[in-house]
N, C-alpha and C. Protein backbone atom coordinates (compact mmCIF):
# COMPACT_ATOMS: atom_id res chain seq x y z
N MET A 1 140.48 128.19 102.83
CA MET A 1 139.66 127.26 102.64
C MET A 1 138.70 127.31 101.61
N LYS A 2 138.24 128.50 101.69
CA LYS A 2 137.13 129.12 100.53
C LYS A 2 137.93 129.05 99.30
N LEU A 3 139.04 129.67 99.27
CA LEU A 3 139.87 129.55 98.14
C LEU A 3 140.29 128.33 97.48
N ALA A 4 140.42 127.10 98.27
CA ALA A 4 140.69 125.78 97.66
C ALA A 4 139.44 125.01 97.11
N VAL A 5 138.24 125.34 97.85
CA VAL A 5 137.36 124.63 97.54
C VAL A 5 136.88 125.30 95.99
N CYS A 6 137.15 126.97 95.98
CA CYS A 6 136.58 127.37 94.70
C CYS A 6 138.03 126.83 93.55
N THR A 7 138.88 126.68 93.83
CA THR A 7 139.77 126.28 93.32
C THR A 7 139.54 125.02 92.20
N THR A 8 139.16 124.16 93.25
CA THR A 8 138.86 122.67 93.16
C THR A 8 137.58 122.88 91.95
N ALA A 9 136.64 123.72 92.49
CA ALA A 9 135.54 123.54 91.66
C ALA A 9 135.98 123.91 90.25
N LEU A 10 136.63 125.17 90.25
CA LEU A 10 136.93 125.72 88.96
C LEU A 10 137.88 124.60 88.17
N LEU A 11 139.07 123.97 88.79
CA LEU A 11 139.64 123.03 88.07
C LEU A 11 138.76 122.01 87.35
N LEU A 12 137.60 121.35 88.21
CA LEU A 12 136.87 120.45 87.94
C LEU A 12 136.13 120.93 86.60
N ALA A 13 135.57 122.18 86.74
CA ALA A 13 134.91 122.69 85.67
C ALA A 13 135.64 122.85 84.40
N LEU A 14 136.83 123.38 84.42
CA LEU A 14 137.61 123.31 83.36
C LEU A 14 138.44 122.21 82.92
N THR A 15 138.54 121.26 83.56
CA THR A 15 139.05 119.77 83.19
C THR A 15 138.11 118.90 82.52
N GLY A 16 136.99 119.39 83.14
CA GLY A 16 135.70 118.38 82.69
C GLY A 16 135.77 116.89 83.64
N CYS A 17 136.35 117.12 84.54
CA CYS A 17 136.68 115.98 85.50
C CYS A 17 135.53 115.77 86.59
N ALA A 18 134.36 116.64 86.61
CA ALA A 18 133.09 116.82 87.48
C ALA A 18 132.58 115.31 87.13
N THR A 19 131.85 114.65 87.95
CA THR A 19 131.43 113.55 87.76
C THR A 19 129.72 114.04 87.55
N VAL A 20 129.06 113.70 86.14
CA VAL A 20 127.89 114.43 86.65
C VAL A 20 127.08 112.85 86.07
N LYS A 21 125.96 112.51 87.00
CA LYS A 21 125.27 111.14 86.52
C LYS A 21 124.19 111.32 85.66
N PRO A 22 124.78 110.52 84.68
CA PRO A 22 123.72 110.36 83.66
C PRO A 22 122.05 110.32 83.88
N PRO A 23 121.06 111.15 83.35
CA PRO A 23 120.10 110.50 83.37
C PRO A 23 119.65 109.15 83.30
N SER A 24 118.68 108.87 83.92
CA SER A 24 118.00 107.22 83.67
C SER A 24 116.96 107.33 82.30
N PRO A 25 117.36 106.21 82.14
CA PRO A 25 116.50 106.16 80.37
C PRO A 25 115.14 106.47 80.91
N GLN A 26 114.11 106.61 79.73
CA GLN A 26 112.70 107.13 79.98
C GLN A 26 112.08 105.68 80.35
N ILE A 27 111.28 105.40 81.36
CA ILE A 27 110.58 104.53 81.41
C ILE A 27 109.02 104.56 81.65
N VAL A 28 108.23 103.74 80.82
CA VAL A 28 106.72 104.07 81.09
C VAL A 28 106.30 103.29 82.39
N SER A 29 105.65 104.14 83.19
CA SER A 29 105.36 103.40 84.37
C SER A 29 104.18 102.65 84.35
N VAL A 30 104.34 101.81 85.68
CA VAL A 30 103.11 101.01 85.84
C VAL A 30 102.01 101.56 85.82
N ASP A 31 101.82 102.93 86.53
CA ASP A 31 100.27 103.47 86.32
C ASP A 31 99.95 103.87 84.83
N ALA A 32 100.90 104.14 83.92
CA ALA A 32 101.17 104.74 82.78
C ALA A 32 100.37 103.72 81.77
N TRP A 33 100.84 102.26 82.00
CA TRP A 33 100.24 101.10 81.08
C TRP A 33 99.09 100.59 81.57
N GLY A 34 98.74 101.29 82.90
CA GLY A 34 97.10 100.79 83.31
C GLY A 34 97.36 99.31 84.40
N GLY A 35 98.77 99.32 84.67
CA GLY A 35 98.97 98.33 85.67
C GLY A 35 98.71 98.69 87.27
N THR A 36 98.64 97.68 88.21
CA THR A 36 98.79 98.16 89.61
C THR A 36 99.33 97.70 90.36
N SER A 37 99.86 98.27 91.33
CA SER A 37 101.01 98.31 92.55
C SER A 37 101.07 96.69 93.08
N SER A 38 101.93 96.36 93.35
CA SER A 38 101.85 94.92 93.98
C SER A 38 101.74 94.84 95.17
N GLY A 39 102.20 95.84 95.93
CA GLY A 39 101.73 96.10 97.31
C GLY A 39 102.19 95.02 98.26
N THR A 40 103.18 94.30 97.85
CA THR A 40 104.18 93.20 98.50
C THR A 40 105.04 93.80 99.02
N LEU A 41 105.19 93.66 100.66
CA LEU A 41 105.83 94.29 101.76
C LEU A 41 107.55 93.16 101.98
N ALA A 42 107.84 92.48 100.60
CA ALA A 42 109.18 91.34 101.00
C ALA A 42 110.54 92.49 101.34
N PRO A 43 111.35 91.73 101.73
CA PRO A 43 112.49 92.62 101.99
C PRO A 43 113.07 93.17 100.88
N ALA A 44 113.59 94.15 100.86
CA ALA A 44 114.34 94.58 99.40
C ALA A 44 115.50 94.11 99.13
N GLN A 45 115.51 93.60 97.75
CA GLN A 45 116.56 92.82 97.41
C GLN A 45 118.31 93.90 97.07
N GLN A 46 119.11 92.88 96.97
CA GLN A 46 120.20 93.98 96.58
C GLN A 46 120.85 93.43 94.95
N ILE A 47 120.56 94.24 94.42
CA ILE A 47 121.19 93.92 92.73
C ILE A 47 122.53 93.63 92.68
N SER A 48 122.68 92.68 92.25
CA SER A 48 124.32 92.37 91.86
C SER A 48 124.17 91.37 90.11
N LYS A 49 123.05 91.36 90.12
CA LYS A 49 123.27 90.87 88.56
C LYS A 49 122.28 91.59 87.76
N ILE A 50 122.50 91.61 86.26
CA ILE A 50 121.46 92.04 85.34
C ILE A 50 120.99 90.99 84.43
N THR A 51 120.25 90.33 84.07
CA THR A 51 119.79 89.38 83.37
C THR A 51 118.45 89.53 82.54
N LEU A 52 119.21 89.09 81.16
CA LEU A 52 118.38 89.59 80.39
C LEU A 52 117.27 88.50 79.75
N HIS A 53 116.32 88.80 79.10
CA HIS A 53 115.29 87.23 79.03
C HIS A 53 114.64 87.93 77.70
N HIS A 54 113.73 86.63 77.07
CA HIS A 54 112.85 87.11 75.98
C HIS A 54 111.80 86.75 76.39
N GLN A 55 110.79 87.42 75.69
CA GLN A 55 109.14 86.85 75.94
C GLN A 55 109.01 85.11 75.48
N GLY A 56 109.49 84.96 74.44
CA GLY A 56 109.26 83.60 73.98
C GLY A 56 107.94 83.30 73.48
N GLU A 57 107.20 84.38 73.25
CA GLU A 57 105.92 84.57 72.29
C GLU A 57 106.01 85.36 71.01
N ILE A 58 105.96 84.82 70.00
CA ILE A 58 105.85 85.38 68.80
C ILE A 58 105.08 86.87 69.17
N TRP A 59 106.00 88.31 68.55
CA TRP A 59 105.46 89.49 68.82
C TRP A 59 104.75 89.96 67.58
N LYS A 60 103.76 90.14 67.32
CA LYS A 60 103.11 90.58 65.99
C LYS A 60 103.06 92.21 66.20
N ASP A 61 103.38 92.86 64.96
CA ASP A 61 103.81 94.16 65.11
C ASP A 61 101.98 94.34 65.36
N GLY A 62 101.94 95.73 65.79
CA GLY A 62 100.57 96.04 66.07
C GLY A 62 99.78 96.08 67.58
N THR A 63 100.48 94.80 67.84
CA THR A 63 100.02 94.47 69.32
C THR A 63 100.21 95.61 70.31
N ASP A 64 99.23 95.81 71.20
CA ASP A 64 98.87 96.87 72.16
C ASP A 64 99.84 96.58 73.49
N VAL A 65 100.80 97.11 73.36
CA VAL A 65 101.79 96.57 74.80
C VAL A 65 101.31 96.40 76.07
N ALA A 66 101.00 97.70 76.41
CA ALA A 66 99.75 98.08 77.33
C ALA A 66 99.10 96.67 77.87
N ALA A 67 98.14 96.50 76.66
CA ALA A 67 96.91 95.63 76.98
C ALA A 67 97.65 94.22 77.22
N TYR A 68 99.02 93.75 76.57
CA TYR A 68 99.67 92.81 76.88
C TYR A 68 100.18 93.23 78.42
N LEU A 69 100.43 93.88 78.96
CA LEU A 69 101.28 94.36 80.10
C LEU A 69 100.29 93.68 81.05
N ARG A 70 98.75 94.41 81.10
CA ARG A 70 97.68 94.08 82.00
C ARG A 70 97.38 92.84 82.05
N ARG A 71 97.41 92.12 80.59
CA ARG A 71 97.15 90.42 80.69
C ARG A 71 98.59 89.54 81.50
N LEU A 72 99.35 90.13 81.11
CA LEU A 72 100.53 89.20 82.10
C LEU A 72 100.56 89.54 83.67
N GLN A 73 100.22 90.52 83.82
CA GLN A 73 100.01 91.10 85.37
C GLN A 73 99.00 90.17 85.97
N GLN A 74 97.71 90.26 85.28
CA GLN A 74 96.96 89.46 85.79
C GLN A 74 97.18 87.73 85.96
N TRP A 75 97.67 87.42 84.78
CA TRP A 75 98.06 86.01 84.70
C TRP A 75 99.26 85.73 86.12
N SER A 76 100.04 86.25 85.88
CA SER A 76 100.98 86.03 86.82
C SER A 76 100.38 86.07 88.28
N ARG A 77 99.50 86.94 88.47
CA ARG A 77 98.91 87.08 89.87
C ARG A 77 97.96 86.13 90.10
N ASN A 78 97.03 85.92 89.03
CA ASN A 78 95.82 84.87 89.32
C ASN A 78 96.21 83.51 89.11
N THR A 79 97.11 83.50 87.99
CA THR A 79 97.44 81.67 87.63
C THR A 79 98.70 81.42 88.44
N LYS A 80 99.52 82.08 88.52
CA LYS A 80 101.04 81.81 89.15
C LYS A 80 100.81 81.72 90.54
N HIS A 81 100.34 82.71 90.77
CA HIS A 81 100.01 83.32 92.13
C HIS A 81 101.69 83.86 92.77
N TRP A 82 101.79 84.84 91.67
CA TRP A 82 103.38 85.54 91.81
C TRP A 82 102.58 86.78 92.29
N ALA A 83 103.66 87.61 92.96
CA ALA A 83 103.55 88.78 93.48
C ALA A 83 102.87 89.94 92.32
N ASP A 84 103.64 89.57 91.09
CA ASP A 84 103.49 90.78 89.93
C ASP A 84 104.13 90.10 88.83
N ILE A 85 104.11 90.66 87.68
CA ILE A 85 105.02 90.28 86.40
C ILE A 85 106.16 90.08 86.83
N PRO A 86 106.91 88.65 86.30
CA PRO A 86 108.22 88.18 86.87
C PRO A 86 109.30 89.02 86.81
N TYR A 87 109.07 90.09 85.71
CA TYR A 87 110.17 90.70 85.11
C TYR A 87 110.28 92.17 85.96
N HIS A 88 111.66 92.90 86.07
CA HIS A 88 111.35 94.16 86.64
C HIS A 88 111.32 94.96 85.57
N TYR A 89 112.05 95.21 83.84
CA TYR A 89 111.61 95.78 82.90
C TYR A 89 111.09 94.99 81.57
N VAL A 90 110.28 95.64 80.65
CA VAL A 90 109.88 95.23 79.71
C VAL A 90 110.28 95.84 78.55
N ILE A 91 111.01 95.54 77.44
CA ILE A 91 111.36 96.47 76.38
C ILE A 91 110.44 95.75 75.18
N ALA A 92 109.73 97.05 74.49
CA ALA A 92 108.68 96.64 73.35
C ALA A 92 109.55 96.98 72.11
N PRO A 93 109.22 96.03 70.87
CA PRO A 93 110.23 96.39 69.69
C PRO A 93 110.59 97.67 69.21
N ASP A 94 109.47 98.80 69.67
CA ASP A 94 109.71 100.37 69.46
C ASP A 94 110.97 100.66 70.14
N GLY A 95 111.18 100.16 70.91
CA GLY A 95 112.48 100.20 72.26
C GLY A 95 111.88 101.18 73.31
N ARG A 96 110.66 101.19 73.26
CA ARG A 96 110.12 101.63 74.87
C ARG A 96 110.13 100.81 76.21
N ILE A 97 110.83 101.48 77.21
CA ILE A 97 110.72 100.50 78.49
C ILE A 97 110.02 100.91 79.13
N TYR A 98 109.47 99.71 79.80
CA TYR A 98 107.99 99.55 80.60
C TYR A 98 108.46 99.07 81.82
N ALA A 99 108.28 99.88 82.98
CA ALA A 99 108.17 99.60 84.28
C ALA A 99 107.39 98.19 84.48
N ALA A 100 107.83 97.16 85.07
CA ALA A 100 106.77 95.95 85.52
C ALA A 100 106.71 95.81 87.15
N ARG A 101 107.43 94.59 87.70
CA ARG A 101 107.55 94.62 88.60
C ARG A 101 108.68 95.69 89.75
N PRO A 102 108.55 95.81 90.79
CA PRO A 102 109.24 96.83 91.72
C PRO A 102 110.63 96.43 91.70
N LEU A 103 111.69 96.93 91.19
CA LEU A 103 113.03 96.44 91.38
C LEU A 103 113.31 95.78 92.41
N ALA A 104 112.96 96.62 94.03
CA ALA A 104 113.43 96.14 95.11
C ALA A 104 112.73 94.82 95.32
N GLN A 105 112.24 94.23 94.68
CA GLN A 105 111.47 92.68 94.71
C GLN A 105 111.74 92.01 93.86
N ALA A 106 112.38 90.67 94.42
CA ALA A 106 112.94 89.60 93.66
C ALA A 106 111.93 88.96 92.57
N GLY A 107 112.62 88.81 91.51
CA GLY A 107 111.68 88.69 90.45
C GLY A 107 111.22 86.89 90.57
N ASP A 108 110.24 86.18 89.67
CA ASP A 108 109.95 84.77 89.73
C ASP A 108 110.54 84.41 88.15
N THR A 109 110.36 82.85 88.57
CA THR A 109 110.80 82.28 87.17
C THR A 109 110.27 81.07 87.09
N ASN A 110 110.12 80.26 85.95
CA ASN A 110 109.62 78.92 85.58
C ASN A 110 110.62 77.96 85.82
N THR A 111 111.87 78.14 86.17
CA THR A 111 112.97 77.47 85.92
C THR A 111 113.62 77.20 87.33
N GLU A 112 114.43 76.81 87.29
CA GLU A 112 115.40 76.16 88.74
C GLU A 112 116.02 77.53 89.04
N TYR A 113 116.79 78.21 88.46
CA TYR A 113 117.47 79.42 88.78
C TYR A 113 116.64 80.24 90.19
N ASP A 114 117.51 80.84 90.91
CA ASP A 114 116.86 81.81 91.72
C ASP A 114 117.16 83.24 91.38
N PRO A 115 116.30 83.97 91.22
CA PRO A 115 116.31 85.33 90.72
C PRO A 115 116.42 86.40 91.98
N ARG A 116 116.70 85.69 93.23
CA ARG A 116 117.17 86.86 94.02
C ARG A 116 118.44 87.74 93.45
N GLY A 117 118.37 88.77 93.58
CA GLY A 117 119.51 89.73 93.60
C GLY A 117 119.86 90.20 91.96
N HIS A 118 118.98 89.49 91.06
CA HIS A 118 118.96 89.96 89.68
C HIS A 118 117.88 90.96 89.37
N ALA A 119 118.19 92.02 88.70
CA ALA A 119 117.47 93.01 87.81
C ALA A 119 117.19 92.31 86.69
N LEU A 120 115.78 91.83 86.37
CA LEU A 120 115.25 91.36 85.03
C LEU A 120 114.93 92.02 83.89
N VAL A 121 115.40 91.90 82.64
CA VAL A 121 114.96 92.71 81.90
C VAL A 121 114.66 91.88 80.65
N MET A 122 113.13 92.11 80.28
CA MET A 122 112.58 91.26 79.17
C MET A 122 112.32 91.86 78.04
N LEU A 123 112.49 91.23 76.92
CA LEU A 123 112.70 91.81 75.70
C LEU A 123 111.41 91.23 75.03
N LEU A 124 110.20 91.82 74.48
CA LEU A 124 109.07 91.15 73.62
C LEU A 124 109.50 90.46 72.42
N GLY A 125 108.95 89.53 72.44
CA GLY A 125 109.42 88.49 71.00
C GLY A 125 109.82 87.46 71.43
N ASN A 126 109.92 86.12 70.52
CA ASN A 126 110.65 85.12 70.46
C ASN A 126 111.80 84.91 69.75
N PHE A 127 112.99 85.13 70.68
CA PHE A 127 114.19 85.34 69.84
C PHE A 127 114.76 84.12 69.27
N GLU A 128 114.22 82.93 69.05
CA GLU A 128 114.50 81.77 68.50
C GLU A 128 113.64 81.52 66.89
N GLU A 129 113.13 82.68 66.88
CA GLU A 129 112.57 82.73 65.48
C GLU A 129 112.34 84.27 65.06
N GLN A 130 112.49 85.14 65.70
CA GLN A 130 112.25 86.52 65.48
C GLN A 130 113.62 87.15 65.81
N GLN A 131 114.20 88.15 65.23
CA GLN A 131 115.09 88.92 65.75
C GLN A 131 114.87 90.07 66.54
N PRO A 132 115.81 90.66 67.59
CA PRO A 132 115.50 91.69 68.11
C PRO A 132 115.59 92.93 67.34
N THR A 133 114.85 93.91 67.80
CA THR A 133 114.67 94.90 66.94
C THR A 133 115.92 96.24 66.97
N PRO A 134 116.45 97.08 66.21
CA PRO A 134 117.68 97.84 66.52
C PRO A 134 117.14 98.90 67.65
N GLY A 135 115.68 99.22 68.16
CA GLY A 135 115.42 99.89 68.91
C GLY A 135 115.27 99.29 70.40
N GLN A 136 115.12 97.85 70.21
CA GLN A 136 114.76 96.96 71.58
C GLN A 136 116.56 96.98 71.98
N LEU A 137 117.44 96.46 71.03
CA LEU A 137 118.94 96.47 71.65
C LEU A 137 119.21 97.39 71.90
N ASP A 138 119.31 98.86 71.58
CA ASP A 138 119.73 100.30 72.08
C ASP A 138 119.19 100.63 73.19
N ALA A 139 117.50 100.26 73.65
CA ALA A 139 117.17 100.33 74.54
C ALA A 139 117.49 99.43 76.01
N ALA A 140 118.10 98.24 75.47
CA ALA A 140 118.31 97.18 76.66
C ALA A 140 119.69 97.51 76.63
N VAL A 141 120.39 98.16 75.83
CA VAL A 141 121.77 98.66 76.46
C VAL A 141 122.04 100.18 77.37
N GLU A 142 121.21 100.74 76.87
CA GLU A 142 120.96 101.69 77.89
C GLU A 142 120.41 101.53 78.98
N LEU A 143 119.35 100.55 79.24
CA LEU A 143 118.74 100.15 80.52
C LEU A 143 119.76 99.44 81.32
N THR A 144 120.28 98.37 80.86
CA THR A 144 121.40 97.80 81.06
C THR A 144 122.65 98.80 81.95
N ALA A 145 122.97 99.60 80.84
CA ALA A 145 124.15 100.51 81.49
C ALA A 145 123.92 101.36 82.68
N TRP A 146 122.43 101.79 82.50
CA TRP A 146 121.69 102.86 83.77
C TRP A 146 121.94 101.86 85.12
N LEU A 147 121.30 100.34 85.15
CA LEU A 147 121.19 99.84 86.23
C LEU A 147 122.79 99.35 86.81
N ALA A 148 123.57 98.99 85.71
CA ALA A 148 124.98 99.05 86.10
C ALA A 148 125.42 100.26 87.21
N ARG A 149 125.38 101.22 86.47
CA ARG A 149 125.86 102.48 87.18
C ARG A 149 125.27 102.81 88.62
N GLU A 150 123.78 102.52 88.76
CA GLU A 150 122.96 102.51 89.51
C GLU A 150 123.39 101.72 90.87
N HIS A 151 123.87 100.55 90.17
CA HIS A 151 124.05 99.29 91.28
C HIS A 151 125.60 99.15 91.54
N ARG A 152 126.59 99.88 90.78
CA ARG A 152 127.83 99.68 91.07
C ARG A 152 128.51 98.64 90.42
N LEU A 153 127.98 98.08 89.13
CA LEU A 153 127.86 96.64 88.45
C LEU A 153 128.59 96.59 87.43
N GLY A 154 129.88 95.93 87.13
CA GLY A 154 130.59 96.14 85.96
C GLY A 154 130.26 95.21 85.00
N VAL A 155 130.57 94.87 83.81
CA VAL A 155 130.06 94.25 82.51
C VAL A 155 129.85 92.77 82.79
N ASN A 156 130.75 92.33 83.93
CA ASN A 156 130.56 90.89 84.08
C ASN A 156 129.54 90.56 84.88
N ALA A 157 128.52 91.40 85.46
CA ALA A 157 127.52 91.19 86.32
C ALA A 157 126.20 91.04 85.37
N ILE A 158 126.65 91.06 83.89
CA ILE A 158 125.61 91.03 82.73
C ILE A 158 125.39 89.46 82.11
N ALA A 159 124.43 89.19 82.41
CA ALA A 159 124.05 87.17 81.92
C ALA A 159 122.61 87.52 81.22
N SER A 160 122.32 86.01 80.87
CA SER A 160 121.04 85.96 80.37
C SER A 160 120.46 84.79 81.28
N HIS A 161 119.40 84.26 81.15
CA HIS A 161 118.44 83.72 81.85
C HIS A 161 119.30 82.02 81.67
N LYS A 162 119.62 81.77 80.31
CA LYS A 162 120.24 80.35 80.17
C LYS A 162 121.41 79.99 80.81
N ASP A 163 122.05 81.45 81.28
CA ASP A 163 123.56 81.46 81.88
C ASP A 163 123.17 80.82 83.18
N PHE A 164 121.88 80.96 83.77
CA PHE A 164 121.77 80.57 85.47
C PHE A 164 120.80 79.10 85.23
N SER A 165 120.20 78.88 84.01
CA SER A 165 119.26 77.76 83.98
C SER A 165 119.55 76.50 82.96
N LYS A 166 119.64 75.46 83.13
CA LYS A 166 119.86 74.41 81.73
C LYS A 166 118.48 74.11 81.69
N GLN A 167 117.31 74.86 81.75
CA GLN A 167 115.65 74.24 81.59
C GLN A 167 115.49 75.22 80.61
N THR A 168 116.29 76.19 79.73
CA THR A 168 115.66 77.27 79.29
C THR A 168 116.70 77.71 78.04
N VAL A 169 116.27 78.00 76.80
CA VAL A 169 117.03 78.56 75.45
C VAL A 169 117.24 80.08 75.79
N CYS A 170 116.23 80.56 76.76
CA CYS A 170 115.88 82.27 77.12
C CYS A 170 117.54 82.98 77.16
N PRO A 171 117.62 83.96 76.43
CA PRO A 171 116.64 84.58 75.64
C PRO A 171 116.64 84.45 74.04
N GLY A 172 116.96 82.97 73.55
CA GLY A 172 116.75 82.92 72.00
C GLY A 172 117.84 82.96 71.48
N LYS A 173 118.49 82.14 70.35
CA LYS A 173 119.66 81.97 69.77
C LYS A 173 119.98 83.57 68.97
N ASN A 174 118.76 83.99 68.42
CA ASN A 174 118.87 85.42 67.70
C ASN A 174 119.45 86.83 68.07
N PHE A 175 119.36 86.34 69.96
CA PHE A 175 119.71 87.62 70.62
C PHE A 175 121.13 86.94 71.39
N TYR A 176 120.80 85.75 71.87
CA TYR A 176 122.11 85.24 72.67
C TYR A 176 123.41 85.22 71.63
N ASP A 177 123.31 84.32 70.65
CA ASP A 177 124.35 84.17 70.06
C ASP A 177 125.18 85.05 69.30
N ALA A 178 124.01 85.85 68.65
CA ALA A 178 124.48 87.28 67.81
C ALA A 178 125.07 88.51 68.63
N TYR A 179 124.63 88.41 69.59
CA TYR A 179 125.13 89.88 71.00
C TYR A 179 125.19 89.62 72.16
N LEU A 180 125.01 88.38 72.63
CA LEU A 180 125.32 88.34 73.97
C LEU A 180 126.78 87.28 73.99
N ALA A 181 126.73 86.30 73.36
CA ALA A 181 128.10 85.27 73.19
C ALA A 181 129.30 85.93 72.41
N THR A 182 128.55 86.72 71.42
CA THR A 182 129.73 87.68 70.78
C THR A 182 130.62 88.66 71.75
N GLY A 183 129.95 88.94 72.83
CA GLY A 183 130.47 90.24 73.64
C GLY A 183 130.06 91.76 73.17
N TRP A 184 129.43 91.47 72.08
CA TRP A 184 128.73 92.87 71.32
C TRP A 184 128.06 93.91 72.75
N PHE A 185 126.96 92.86 73.69
CA PHE A 185 126.22 93.85 74.41
C PHE A 185 127.17 94.33 75.43
N LYS A 186 127.95 93.40 76.19
CA LYS A 186 128.63 93.91 76.93
C LYS A 186 129.54 94.93 76.63
N ALA A 187 130.24 94.89 75.40
CA ALA A 187 131.18 95.75 74.98
C ALA A 187 130.31 97.61 74.99
N GLU A 188 129.07 97.04 74.36
CA GLU A 188 128.66 98.30 74.09
C GLU A 188 127.82 98.93 75.01
N VAL A 189 127.59 98.32 76.47
CA VAL A 189 127.13 98.92 77.78
C VAL A 189 128.14 99.45 78.43
N GLY A 190 129.56 98.85 78.29
CA GLY A 190 130.70 99.53 78.86
C GLY A 190 131.02 100.45 78.14
N LYS A 191 130.85 100.85 77.02
CA LYS A 191 130.93 102.32 76.29
C LYS A 191 130.09 103.26 76.81
N ARG A 192 129.26 103.10 77.91
CA ARG A 192 128.03 104.01 78.22
C ARG A 192 128.21 103.96 79.67
N LEU A 193 129.34 102.85 80.38
CA LEU A 193 129.78 103.37 82.01
C LEU A 193 130.71 104.32 82.07
């Protein structure tokens, strides 16, 4: 028995067949950007989809991302009466990924679709008028691939807000048409799975 285990371990090491779980992407924590925990005790959601969004507002170079997230968190809670920021992750133009709402907690939306079971990823900017940056695209691919691996999802689980709602153009034509509708995004994620 001991010989069989050692032989198997040696064979895996020599052939490179051992599965090594890739590390998670670097994610700026809620505490690090000055946010506060939602503290909501809703039942944990089971992730079955990864849904991409854009901010829908023009992002100006030099804007303080942490300050923006703190304002978004306050607006979400005080004005919308949501538990937290509606998205689970926010990606800045420089490619930094920020944690937002806890992933176990279903997101929120201003449109008619039900975001339960969706991991919501939002890229800062208005992609009807602006272009996603190379840093954002790379980070979105990396984060999406990680989420897919973590939740045992294939690329067919990746979609955009407008794929679930007729009330929006989100994530904007410059992201959707160039990267999602063409299949580029799913192909890039697939390479990392």
